[in-house]
């Protein structure tokens, strides 16, 4: 049995106000639980998203500042869900496209601006990064609670983090 989701402590003090410009003024600050990389993707199933896909990767790319801007240097896959290139006729081309798709922006704010973490989605021969909040919100569709997409069943403790836009990955390595 999964433990219940964490709840905010009950105090006489009002909740701190968020400084997130994407939220309406006066919105309470939200502190999301930290997730490992597998938990972050664990609830990201095609049936729970607005955009259908066969394979999703959580990727991290090290960026290098150059005279002409930021350039991707090295990428690694941190976690994945689904089966890659299963419905295409040219599997090697699909695999090359998956490996070469990078982003220079990050879904997750961090202390190092030269490291980008983002999703890569594959559906048939189409591969695209999801590297902005707006792209993520399009992927997830309408959210009826801060912790759950409208089309998903109530989350388990292990998938709760994957279904929220507020959840940030932990720095701990995935198991």
N, C-alpha and C. Protein backbone atom coordinates (compact mmCIF):
# COMPACT_ATOMS: atom_id res chain seq x y z
N UNK A 1 0.85 -1.18 0.00
CA UNK A 1 0.00 0.00 0.00
C UNK A 1 0.89 1.24 0.00
N UNK A 2 0.54 2.20 -0.81
CA UNK A 2 1.32 3.43 -0.93
C UNK A 2 1.00 4.37 0.21
N UNK A 3 2.03 5.11 0.67
CA UNK A 3 1.75 6.10 1.71
C UNK A 3 0.90 7.22 1.13
N UNK A 4 0.12 7.91 1.98
CA UNK A 4 -0.69 9.01 1.46
C UNK A 4 0.21 10.14 0.97
N UNK A 5 -0.30 10.96 0.03
CA UNK A 5 0.50 12.07 -0.44
C UNK A 5 0.77 13.05 0.69
N UNK A 6 1.90 13.77 0.64
CA UNK A 6 2.20 14.70 1.70
C UNK A 6 1.17 15.82 1.74
N UNK A 7 0.90 16.31 2.92
CA UNK A 7 -0.01 17.44 3.07
C UNK A 7 0.73 18.59 3.70
N UNK A 8 0.23 19.77 3.46
CA UNK A 8 0.86 20.96 4.03
C UNK A 8 0.63 20.96 5.54
N UNK A 9 1.61 21.42 6.31
CA UNK A 9 1.40 21.49 7.75
C UNK A 9 0.30 22.51 8.07
N UNK A 10 -0.48 22.22 9.09
CA UNK A 10 -1.54 23.12 9.50
C UNK A 10 -0.95 24.10 10.50
N UNK A 11 -1.00 25.36 10.15
CA UNK A 11 -0.50 26.42 11.04
C UNK A 11 -1.50 27.56 11.02
N UNK A 12 -1.31 28.49 11.91
CA UNK A 12 -2.13 29.69 11.93
C UNK A 12 -1.64 30.73 10.93
N UNK A 13 -0.50 30.46 10.31
CA UNK A 13 0.09 31.41 9.37
C UNK A 13 -0.49 31.20 7.97
N UNK A 14 -0.69 32.28 7.22
CA UNK A 14 -1.13 32.11 5.84
C UNK A 14 -0.03 31.48 4.99
N UNK A 15 -0.42 30.79 3.92
CA UNK A 15 0.56 30.17 3.02
C UNK A 15 1.40 31.26 2.37
N UNK A 16 2.69 31.00 2.17
CA UNK A 16 3.51 32.00 1.48
C UNK A 16 2.99 32.22 0.06
N UNK A 17 3.17 33.43 -0.44
CA UNK A 17 2.70 33.78 -1.77
C UNK A 17 3.78 33.43 -2.79
N UNK A 18 3.37 32.86 -3.91
CA UNK A 18 4.29 32.47 -4.96
C UNK A 18 4.81 33.68 -5.71
N UNK A 19 6.07 33.58 -6.14
CA UNK A 19 6.63 34.64 -6.99
C UNK A 19 6.69 34.19 -8.45
N UNK A 20 5.99 33.09 -8.79
CA UNK A 20 5.96 32.58 -10.15
C UNK A 20 5.11 33.50 -11.01
N UNK A 21 5.71 34.14 -12.05
CA UNK A 21 4.93 35.07 -12.88
C UNK A 21 3.84 34.38 -13.71
N UNK A 22 3.89 33.06 -13.83
CA UNK A 22 2.87 32.34 -14.59
C UNK A 22 1.59 32.14 -13.79
N UNK A 23 1.65 32.37 -12.46
CA UNK A 23 0.47 32.19 -11.61
C UNK A 23 -0.20 33.53 -11.37
N UNK A 24 -1.51 33.51 -11.10
CA UNK A 24 -2.20 34.77 -10.78
C UNK A 24 -1.60 35.40 -9.52
N UNK A 25 -1.59 36.73 -9.45
CA UNK A 25 -1.05 37.40 -8.24
C UNK A 25 -1.76 36.89 -6.99
N UNK A 26 -0.98 36.68 -5.93
CA UNK A 26 -1.53 36.22 -4.67
C UNK A 26 -1.66 34.71 -4.54
N UNK A 27 -1.30 33.96 -5.59
CA UNK A 27 -1.39 32.50 -5.52
C UNK A 27 -0.44 31.97 -4.46
N UNK A 28 -0.86 30.92 -3.74
CA UNK A 28 0.04 30.37 -2.72
C UNK A 28 1.23 29.67 -3.37
N UNK A 29 2.36 29.71 -2.69
CA UNK A 29 3.55 29.00 -3.15
C UNK A 29 3.29 27.51 -3.00
N UNK A 30 3.83 26.72 -3.91
CA UNK A 30 3.66 25.27 -3.86
C UNK A 30 5.03 24.64 -3.80
N UNK A 31 5.24 23.77 -2.85
CA UNK A 31 6.51 23.07 -2.73
C UNK A 31 6.27 21.62 -3.11
N UNK A 32 6.77 21.24 -4.28
CA UNK A 32 6.56 19.88 -4.77
C UNK A 32 7.56 18.91 -4.16
N UNK A 33 7.15 17.65 -3.99
CA UNK A 33 8.10 16.65 -3.54
C UNK A 33 9.15 16.41 -4.62
N UNK A 34 10.34 16.05 -4.22
CA UNK A 34 11.39 15.74 -5.19
C UNK A 34 11.17 14.32 -5.72
N UNK A 35 11.37 14.15 -7.00
CA UNK A 35 11.17 12.86 -7.65
C UNK A 35 12.47 12.40 -8.26
N UNK A 36 12.66 11.09 -8.29
CA UNK A 36 13.80 10.62 -9.09
C UNK A 36 13.33 10.58 -10.54
N UNK A 37 14.26 10.38 -11.45
CA UNK A 37 13.94 10.47 -12.88
C UNK A 37 12.91 9.46 -13.33
N UNK A 38 12.95 8.23 -12.80
CA UNK A 38 11.97 7.22 -13.19
C UNK A 38 10.58 7.59 -12.70
N UNK A 39 10.46 8.16 -11.49
CA UNK A 39 9.17 8.59 -10.99
C UNK A 39 8.61 9.74 -11.84
N UNK A 40 9.50 10.61 -12.28
CA UNK A 40 9.06 11.74 -13.08
C UNK A 40 8.36 11.29 -14.35
N UNK A 41 8.87 10.23 -14.99
CA UNK A 41 8.24 9.71 -16.22
C UNK A 41 7.24 8.60 -15.93
N UNK A 42 7.22 8.06 -14.72
CA UNK A 42 6.39 6.90 -14.40
C UNK A 42 4.92 7.05 -14.72
N UNK A 43 4.35 8.22 -14.51
CA UNK A 43 2.93 8.43 -14.78
C UNK A 43 2.66 9.06 -16.13
N UNK A 44 3.71 9.28 -16.91
CA UNK A 44 3.54 9.90 -18.22
C UNK A 44 3.24 8.81 -19.23
N UNK A 45 1.98 8.44 -19.29
CA UNK A 45 1.53 7.41 -20.22
C UNK A 45 0.72 8.08 -21.31
N UNK A 46 0.72 7.52 -22.49
CA UNK A 46 0.00 8.14 -23.60
C UNK A 46 -1.48 8.33 -23.31
N UNK A 47 -2.06 7.48 -22.49
CA UNK A 47 -3.48 7.62 -22.18
C UNK A 47 -3.74 8.77 -21.21
N UNK A 48 -2.69 9.31 -20.59
CA UNK A 48 -2.84 10.39 -19.63
C UNK A 48 -2.42 11.74 -20.19
N UNK A 49 -2.12 11.80 -21.46
CA UNK A 49 -1.65 13.05 -22.05
C UNK A 49 -2.56 13.50 -23.17
N UNK A 50 -2.46 14.77 -23.50
CA UNK A 50 -3.23 15.37 -24.57
C UNK A 50 -2.63 15.01 -25.93
N UNK A 51 -1.35 14.69 -25.97
CA UNK A 51 -0.61 14.37 -27.19
C UNK A 51 -0.21 12.91 -27.15
N UNK A 52 -0.55 12.16 -28.17
CA UNK A 52 -0.21 10.74 -28.21
C UNK A 52 1.25 10.55 -28.62
N UNK A 53 1.91 9.59 -27.99
CA UNK A 53 3.29 9.25 -28.32
C UNK A 53 3.52 7.78 -28.00
N UNK A 54 4.58 7.22 -28.57
CA UNK A 54 4.93 5.82 -28.32
C UNK A 54 6.08 5.69 -27.34
N UNK A 55 6.94 6.71 -27.33
CA UNK A 55 8.16 6.65 -26.53
C UNK A 55 8.48 8.05 -26.02
N UNK A 56 8.86 8.16 -24.76
CA UNK A 56 9.27 9.45 -24.19
C UNK A 56 10.57 9.25 -23.43
N UNK A 57 11.45 10.22 -23.58
CA UNK A 57 12.74 10.22 -22.89
C UNK A 57 12.84 11.46 -22.02
N UNK A 58 13.44 11.32 -20.87
CA UNK A 58 13.88 12.48 -20.08
C UNK A 58 15.36 12.59 -20.38
N UNK A 59 15.75 13.68 -20.99
CA UNK A 59 17.12 13.83 -21.45
C UNK A 59 17.77 15.04 -20.78
N UNK A 60 19.08 14.92 -20.58
CA UNK A 60 19.88 16.01 -20.04
C UNK A 60 20.99 16.32 -21.04
N UNK A 61 21.13 17.59 -21.37
CA UNK A 61 22.16 18.02 -22.32
C UNK A 61 23.04 19.08 -21.68
N UNK A 62 24.34 18.87 -21.77
CA UNK A 62 25.31 19.86 -21.31
C UNK A 62 25.50 20.85 -22.46
N UNK A 63 25.40 22.13 -22.14
CA UNK A 63 25.50 23.18 -23.15
C UNK A 63 26.82 23.91 -23.00
N UNK A 64 27.27 24.51 -24.09
CA UNK A 64 28.51 25.29 -24.07
C UNK A 64 28.21 26.68 -24.61
N UNK A 65 28.61 27.70 -23.87
CA UNK A 65 28.45 29.08 -24.32
C UNK A 65 29.54 29.39 -25.34
N UNK A 66 29.14 29.87 -26.52
CA UNK A 66 30.09 30.24 -27.56
C UNK A 66 29.85 31.70 -27.94
N UNK A 67 30.66 32.22 -28.83
CA UNK A 67 30.49 33.60 -29.29
C UNK A 67 29.16 33.79 -30.02
N UNK A 68 28.63 32.72 -30.59
CA UNK A 68 27.38 32.81 -31.35
C UNK A 68 26.17 32.34 -30.57
N UNK A 69 26.33 31.99 -29.31
CA UNK A 69 25.21 31.53 -28.48
C UNK A 69 25.53 30.22 -27.79
N UNK A 70 24.49 29.56 -27.32
CA UNK A 70 24.63 28.30 -26.60
C UNK A 70 24.52 27.15 -27.58
N UNK A 71 25.43 26.16 -27.45
CA UNK A 71 25.42 24.98 -28.33
C UNK A 71 25.40 23.71 -27.49
N UNK A 72 24.58 22.72 -27.90
CA UNK A 72 24.59 21.43 -27.19
C UNK A 72 25.94 20.73 -27.34
N UNK A 73 26.44 20.16 -26.26
CA UNK A 73 27.72 19.46 -26.29
C UNK A 73 27.56 17.95 -26.12
N UNK A 74 26.88 17.55 -25.08
CA UNK A 74 26.78 16.12 -24.74
C UNK A 74 25.42 15.87 -24.13
N UNK A 75 24.74 14.80 -24.56
CA UNK A 75 23.42 14.47 -24.03
C UNK A 75 23.41 13.06 -23.46
N UNK A 76 22.56 12.86 -22.47
CA UNK A 76 22.36 11.52 -21.94
C UNK A 76 20.88 11.36 -21.58
N UNK A 77 20.39 10.14 -21.74
CA UNK A 77 19.02 9.82 -21.37
C UNK A 77 19.00 9.43 -19.91
N UNK A 78 18.14 10.09 -19.13
CA UNK A 78 18.04 9.83 -17.70
C UNK A 78 16.97 8.81 -17.37
N UNK A 79 15.90 8.77 -18.17
CA UNK A 79 14.81 7.81 -17.96
C UNK A 79 14.00 7.75 -19.25
N UNK A 80 13.23 6.67 -19.41
CA UNK A 80 12.38 6.55 -20.58
C UNK A 80 11.12 5.75 -20.25
N UNK A 81 10.11 5.93 -21.09
CA UNK A 81 8.86 5.20 -20.96
C UNK A 81 8.39 4.86 -22.38
N UNK A 82 7.79 3.70 -22.56
CA UNK A 82 7.33 3.27 -23.87
C UNK A 82 8.42 2.56 -24.65
N UNK A 83 8.07 2.12 -25.86
CA UNK A 83 9.01 1.39 -26.72
C UNK A 83 9.37 2.26 -27.91
N UNK A 84 10.66 2.44 -28.14
CA UNK A 84 11.14 3.31 -29.21
C UNK A 84 11.00 2.66 -30.57
N UNK A 85 10.57 3.45 -31.55
CA UNK A 85 10.61 3.10 -32.98
C UNK A 85 9.91 1.79 -33.33
N UNK A 86 8.85 1.45 -32.62
CA UNK A 86 8.18 0.17 -32.84
C UNK A 86 7.25 0.17 -34.03
N UNK A 87 6.78 1.33 -34.48
CA UNK A 87 5.79 1.37 -35.56
C UNK A 87 6.35 1.97 -36.85
N UNK A 88 7.66 2.12 -36.95
CA UNK A 88 8.26 2.71 -38.14
C UNK A 88 8.88 1.62 -39.02
N UNK A 89 9.02 1.91 -40.30
CA UNK A 89 9.65 0.95 -41.19
C UNK A 89 11.16 1.10 -41.20
N UNK A 90 11.66 2.30 -40.94
CA UNK A 90 13.11 2.55 -40.93
C UNK A 90 13.57 2.78 -39.48
N UNK A 91 13.76 1.68 -38.76
CA UNK A 91 14.14 1.76 -37.35
C UNK A 91 15.48 2.47 -37.15
N UNK A 92 16.52 2.20 -37.94
CA UNK A 92 17.79 2.92 -37.74
C UNK A 92 17.64 4.44 -37.89
N UNK A 93 16.85 4.89 -38.87
CA UNK A 93 16.65 6.34 -39.05
C UNK A 93 15.91 6.93 -37.85
N UNK A 94 14.92 6.23 -37.35
CA UNK A 94 14.19 6.68 -36.17
C UNK A 94 15.11 6.76 -34.95
N UNK A 95 15.94 5.74 -34.77
CA UNK A 95 16.88 5.73 -33.64
C UNK A 95 17.88 6.89 -33.74
N UNK A 96 18.36 7.18 -34.96
CA UNK A 96 19.28 8.32 -35.15
C UNK A 96 18.59 9.63 -34.82
N UNK A 97 17.34 9.77 -35.25
CA UNK A 97 16.59 10.98 -34.97
C UNK A 97 16.36 11.15 -33.48
N UNK A 98 16.01 10.07 -32.79
CA UNK A 98 15.86 10.13 -31.33
C UNK A 98 17.16 10.57 -30.66
N UNK A 99 18.28 9.99 -31.09
CA UNK A 99 19.58 10.30 -30.48
C UNK A 99 20.02 11.73 -30.76
N UNK A 100 19.62 12.28 -31.90
CA UNK A 100 20.11 13.60 -32.28
C UNK A 100 19.18 14.74 -31.87
N UNK A 101 18.01 14.44 -31.33
CA UNK A 101 17.07 15.50 -30.93
C UNK A 101 17.48 16.05 -29.58
N UNK A 102 17.86 17.32 -29.56
CA UNK A 102 18.29 17.98 -28.33
C UNK A 102 17.58 19.32 -28.20
N UNK A 103 17.62 19.88 -27.01
CA UNK A 103 17.06 21.20 -26.74
C UNK A 103 18.08 22.01 -25.96
N UNK A 104 18.03 23.31 -26.12
CA UNK A 104 18.96 24.16 -25.37
C UNK A 104 18.24 24.92 -24.26
N UNK A 105 16.96 24.61 -24.05
CA UNK A 105 16.22 25.17 -22.92
C UNK A 105 15.82 24.03 -22.00
N UNK A 106 15.55 24.36 -20.75
CA UNK A 106 15.26 23.34 -19.76
C UNK A 106 13.86 23.49 -19.21
N UNK A 107 13.16 22.36 -19.03
CA UNK A 107 11.86 22.37 -18.36
C UNK A 107 12.01 22.66 -16.88
N UNK A 108 13.16 22.36 -16.33
CA UNK A 108 13.36 22.45 -14.89
C UNK A 108 14.43 23.47 -14.57
N UNK A 109 14.05 24.48 -13.80
CA UNK A 109 15.02 25.48 -13.39
C UNK A 109 16.05 24.81 -12.48
N UNK A 110 17.28 25.17 -12.64
CA UNK A 110 18.33 24.59 -11.82
C UNK A 110 19.44 25.59 -11.56
N UNK A 111 20.41 25.15 -10.85
CA UNK A 111 21.50 26.05 -10.50
C UNK A 111 22.51 26.20 -11.63
N UNK A 112 22.47 25.31 -12.62
CA UNK A 112 23.44 25.38 -13.71
C UNK A 112 22.72 25.72 -15.01
N UNK A 113 22.87 26.97 -15.51
CA UNK A 113 22.19 27.34 -16.75
C UNK A 113 22.75 26.65 -17.99
N UNK A 114 23.88 25.95 -17.84
CA UNK A 114 24.46 25.24 -18.98
C UNK A 114 24.12 23.76 -18.99
N UNK A 115 23.05 23.39 -18.28
CA UNK A 115 22.53 22.02 -18.32
C UNK A 115 21.02 22.13 -18.57
N UNK A 116 20.56 21.50 -19.64
CA UNK A 116 19.14 21.51 -19.99
C UNK A 116 18.55 20.13 -19.76
N UNK A 117 17.41 20.08 -19.07
CA UNK A 117 16.65 18.83 -18.91
C UNK A 117 15.31 19.03 -19.59
N UNK A 118 14.92 18.06 -20.40
CA UNK A 118 13.72 18.19 -21.20
C UNK A 118 13.24 16.80 -21.61
N UNK A 119 12.06 16.73 -22.21
CA UNK A 119 11.51 15.48 -22.72
C UNK A 119 11.73 15.41 -24.22
N UNK A 120 11.84 14.20 -24.74
CA UNK A 120 11.83 13.96 -26.18
C UNK A 120 10.72 12.93 -26.42
N UNK A 121 9.77 13.28 -27.29
CA UNK A 121 8.65 12.39 -27.60
C UNK A 121 8.80 11.83 -29.00
N UNK A 122 8.47 10.55 -29.16
CA UNK A 122 8.51 9.90 -30.47
C UNK A 122 7.16 9.27 -30.73
N UNK A 123 6.59 9.58 -31.88
CA UNK A 123 5.34 8.99 -32.34
C UNK A 123 5.52 8.67 -33.81
N UNK A 124 5.63 7.40 -34.15
CA UNK A 124 5.93 7.01 -35.52
C UNK A 124 7.28 7.59 -35.92
N UNK A 125 7.33 8.22 -37.08
CA UNK A 125 8.58 8.81 -37.55
C UNK A 125 8.78 10.23 -37.02
N UNK A 126 7.85 10.75 -36.24
CA UNK A 126 7.95 12.10 -35.69
C UNK A 126 8.62 12.08 -34.32
N UNK A 127 9.64 12.92 -34.18
CA UNK A 127 10.36 13.05 -32.91
C UNK A 127 10.45 14.54 -32.61
N UNK A 128 10.12 14.92 -31.37
CA UNK A 128 10.20 16.34 -31.02
C UNK A 128 10.55 16.52 -29.55
N UNK A 129 11.27 17.60 -29.24
CA UNK A 129 11.55 17.89 -27.85
C UNK A 129 10.37 18.62 -27.20
N UNK A 130 10.25 18.47 -25.90
CA UNK A 130 9.32 19.24 -25.08
C UNK A 130 10.20 19.92 -24.05
N UNK A 131 10.48 21.21 -24.29
CA UNK A 131 11.49 21.89 -23.48
C UNK A 131 11.01 23.20 -22.88
N UNK A 132 9.73 23.52 -23.05
CA UNK A 132 9.21 24.74 -22.45
C UNK A 132 7.95 24.41 -21.65
N UNK A 133 7.60 25.30 -20.75
CA UNK A 133 6.40 25.12 -19.94
C UNK A 133 5.16 25.03 -20.84
N UNK A 134 5.10 25.88 -21.87
CA UNK A 134 3.95 25.87 -22.76
C UNK A 134 3.84 24.55 -23.52
N UNK A 135 4.97 23.98 -23.97
CA UNK A 135 4.95 22.68 -24.64
C UNK A 135 4.50 21.58 -23.68
N UNK A 136 4.95 21.66 -22.42
CA UNK A 136 4.56 20.66 -21.43
C UNK A 136 3.06 20.76 -21.13
N UNK A 137 2.54 21.97 -21.00
CA UNK A 137 1.11 22.13 -20.73
C UNK A 137 0.27 21.64 -21.91
N UNK A 138 0.75 21.84 -23.13
CA UNK A 138 0.07 21.30 -24.31
C UNK A 138 0.07 19.77 -24.25
N UNK A 139 1.20 19.18 -23.88
CA UNK A 139 1.30 17.73 -23.77
C UNK A 139 0.32 17.19 -22.73
N UNK A 140 0.26 17.81 -21.57
CA UNK A 140 -0.56 17.31 -20.48
C UNK A 140 -2.05 17.60 -20.66
N UNK A 141 -2.40 18.67 -21.34
CA UNK A 141 -3.81 19.03 -21.48
C UNK A 141 -4.31 19.69 -20.21
N UNK A 142 -5.63 19.74 -20.06
CA UNK A 142 -6.24 20.42 -18.91
C UNK A 142 -5.87 19.72 -17.60
N UNK A 143 -5.54 20.50 -16.61
CA UNK A 143 -5.20 20.00 -15.28
C UNK A 143 -6.33 20.40 -14.34
N UNK A 144 -6.97 19.41 -13.70
CA UNK A 144 -8.09 19.74 -12.82
C UNK A 144 -7.66 19.92 -11.36
N UNK A 145 -6.48 19.49 -11.01
CA UNK A 145 -5.92 19.74 -9.68
C UNK A 145 -4.44 20.00 -9.87
N UNK A 146 -3.76 20.63 -8.90
CA UNK A 146 -2.33 20.89 -9.08
C UNK A 146 -1.49 19.62 -9.22
N UNK A 147 -2.01 18.46 -8.81
CA UNK A 147 -1.21 17.25 -8.83
C UNK A 147 -1.66 16.22 -9.85
N UNK A 148 -2.70 16.51 -10.68
CA UNK A 148 -3.22 15.43 -11.51
C UNK A 148 -3.85 15.97 -12.79
N UNK A 149 -3.46 15.41 -13.95
CA UNK A 149 -4.16 15.76 -15.18
C UNK A 149 -5.62 15.31 -15.10
N UNK A 150 -6.50 16.02 -15.77
CA UNK A 150 -7.93 15.76 -15.70
C UNK A 150 -8.29 14.35 -16.16
N UNK A 151 -7.57 13.79 -17.12
CA UNK A 151 -7.95 12.50 -17.69
C UNK A 151 -7.35 11.31 -16.95
N UNK A 152 -6.57 11.53 -15.91
CA UNK A 152 -5.91 10.41 -15.24
C UNK A 152 -6.67 9.97 -14.01
N UNK A 153 -6.49 8.71 -13.61
CA UNK A 153 -7.08 8.25 -12.35
C UNK A 153 -6.30 8.87 -11.21
N UNK A 154 -6.83 8.80 -9.98
CA UNK A 154 -6.07 9.34 -8.86
C UNK A 154 -4.68 8.71 -8.83
N UNK A 155 -3.65 9.53 -8.66
CA UNK A 155 -2.28 9.02 -8.74
C UNK A 155 -1.89 8.19 -7.53
N UNK A 156 -1.00 7.24 -7.76
CA UNK A 156 -0.39 6.51 -6.66
C UNK A 156 0.79 7.34 -6.18
N UNK A 157 1.36 6.98 -5.07
CA UNK A 157 2.50 7.74 -4.55
C UNK A 157 3.65 7.73 -5.54
N UNK A 158 3.85 6.62 -6.26
CA UNK A 158 4.99 6.55 -7.17
C UNK A 158 4.77 7.34 -8.45
N UNK A 159 3.51 7.55 -8.86
CA UNK A 159 3.28 8.28 -10.11
C UNK A 159 2.86 9.72 -9.87
N UNK A 160 2.60 10.10 -8.62
CA UNK A 160 2.12 11.43 -8.31
C UNK A 160 3.03 12.50 -8.89
N UNK A 161 4.33 12.32 -8.79
CA UNK A 161 5.26 13.33 -9.26
C UNK A 161 5.24 13.45 -10.77
N UNK A 162 5.06 12.37 -11.48
CA UNK A 162 5.10 12.41 -12.94
C UNK A 162 3.90 13.14 -13.52
N UNK A 163 2.81 13.19 -12.80
CA UNK A 163 1.61 13.78 -13.34
C UNK A 163 1.48 15.26 -13.05
N UNK A 164 2.45 15.85 -12.42
CA UNK A 164 2.35 17.26 -12.05
C UNK A 164 3.34 18.11 -12.81
N UNK A 165 2.95 19.30 -13.16
CA UNK A 165 3.87 20.23 -13.81
C UNK A 165 4.75 20.91 -12.78
N UNK A 166 4.41 20.78 -11.50
CA UNK A 166 5.17 21.47 -10.47
C UNK A 166 6.29 20.62 -9.90
N UNK A 167 6.37 19.36 -10.27
CA UNK A 167 7.35 18.47 -9.69
C UNK A 167 8.71 18.64 -10.35
N UNK A 168 9.71 18.79 -9.56
CA UNK A 168 11.08 18.95 -10.10
C UNK A 168 11.86 17.68 -9.84
N UNK A 169 12.76 17.29 -10.75
CA UNK A 169 13.55 16.08 -10.52
C UNK A 169 14.54 16.30 -9.41
N UNK A 170 14.81 15.25 -8.68
CA UNK A 170 15.82 15.34 -7.63
C UNK A 170 17.20 15.19 -8.26
N UNK A 171 18.20 15.49 -7.47
CA UNK A 171 19.56 15.33 -7.97
C UNK A 171 20.07 13.93 -7.74
N UNK A 172 19.29 13.11 -7.05
CA UNK A 172 19.70 11.73 -6.80
C UNK A 172 19.61 10.93 -8.09
N UNK A 173 20.50 10.00 -8.24
CA UNK A 173 20.52 9.16 -9.44
C UNK A 173 19.35 8.21 -9.45
N UNK A 174 18.88 7.88 -10.62
CA UNK A 174 17.77 6.92 -10.76
C UNK A 174 18.26 5.54 -10.43
N UNK A 175 17.36 4.74 -9.88
CA UNK A 175 17.72 3.37 -9.59
C UNK A 175 17.58 2.51 -10.80
